[in-house]
Amino acid sequence: MMLSGGRAGMARQLAELLAGFEDFLDFDPRELHLIEALREQLALMDEGPLRP
């Protein structure tokens, strides 16, 4: 996704990303788990169709 590095670095990057997002819209922290699900879905779409 947009985060890289170790756990502490990723946490800092996520906090910065969410702070920027909240400049425009409120972010419900209960939806945080949806970010990973969306990332996985996008990764699957990038792989293209499955072939037998």
Protein backbone atom coordinates (compact mmCIF):
# COMPACT_ATOMS: atom_id res chain seq x y z
CA MET A 1 0.00 0.00 0.00
CA MET A 2 1.37 3.41 0.91
CA LEU A 3 3.19 2.33 4.06
CA SER A 4 6.70 0.97 4.26
CA GLY A 5 9.35 0.18 6.83
CA GLY A 6 9.09 -1.30 10.29
CA ARG A 7 6.09 -1.38 12.58
CA ALA A 8 6.87 1.97 14.27
CA GLY A 9 7.47 3.66 10.92
CA MET A 10 4.28 2.27 9.46
CA ALA A 11 2.28 3.41 12.49
CA ARG A 12 3.71 6.92 12.11
CA GLN A 13 2.96 6.95 8.38
CA LEU A 14 -0.59 5.74 8.97
CA ALA A 15 -1.16 8.46 11.58
CA GLU A 16 0.06 11.08 9.09
CA LEU A 17 -2.10 9.63 6.31
CA LEU A 18 -5.21 9.65 8.50
CA ALA A 19 -4.48 13.19 9.72
CA GLY A 20 -4.36 14.34 6.10
CA PHE A 21 -7.55 12.45 5.29
CA GLU A 22 -9.31 14.10 8.22
CA ASP A 23 -8.52 17.51 6.75
CA PHE A 24 -11.34 16.67 4.31
CA LEU A 25 -13.55 14.06 6.02
CA ASP A 26 -13.97 12.48 9.42
CA PHE A 27 -12.45 9.01 9.76
CA ASP A 28 -14.17 6.44 11.94
CA PRO A 29 -11.39 4.37 13.58
CA ARG A 30 -13.76 1.38 13.60
CA GLU A 31 -13.23 1.26 9.82
CA LEU A 32 -9.45 0.93 10.05
CA HIS A 33 -9.60 -2.82 9.39
CA LEU A 34 -11.23 -2.10 6.02
CA ILE A 35 -8.01 -0.56 4.71
CA GLU A 36 -6.25 -3.94 4.71
CA ALA A 37 -9.24 -5.66 3.11
CA LEU A 38 -9.28 -3.05 0.35
CA ARG A 39 -5.53 -3.40 -0.18
CA GLU A 40 -5.90 -7.16 -0.58
CA GLN A 41 -8.78 -6.73 -3.02
CA LEU A 42 -6.78 -4.27 -5.12
CA ALA A 43 -3.79 -6.63 -5.14
CA LEU A 44 -6.01 -9.43 -6.45
CA MET A 45 -7.39 -7.17 -9.17
CA ASP A 46 -3.84 -6.26 -10.25
CA GLU A 47 -3.00 -9.94 -10.74
CA GLY A 48 -5.61 -10.22 -13.49
CA PRO A 49 -7.95 -13.12 -14.11
CA LEU A 50 -7.07 -16.54 -12.76
CA ARG A 51 -6.13 -19.05 -15.39
CA PRO A 52 -6.79 -22.79 -15.12
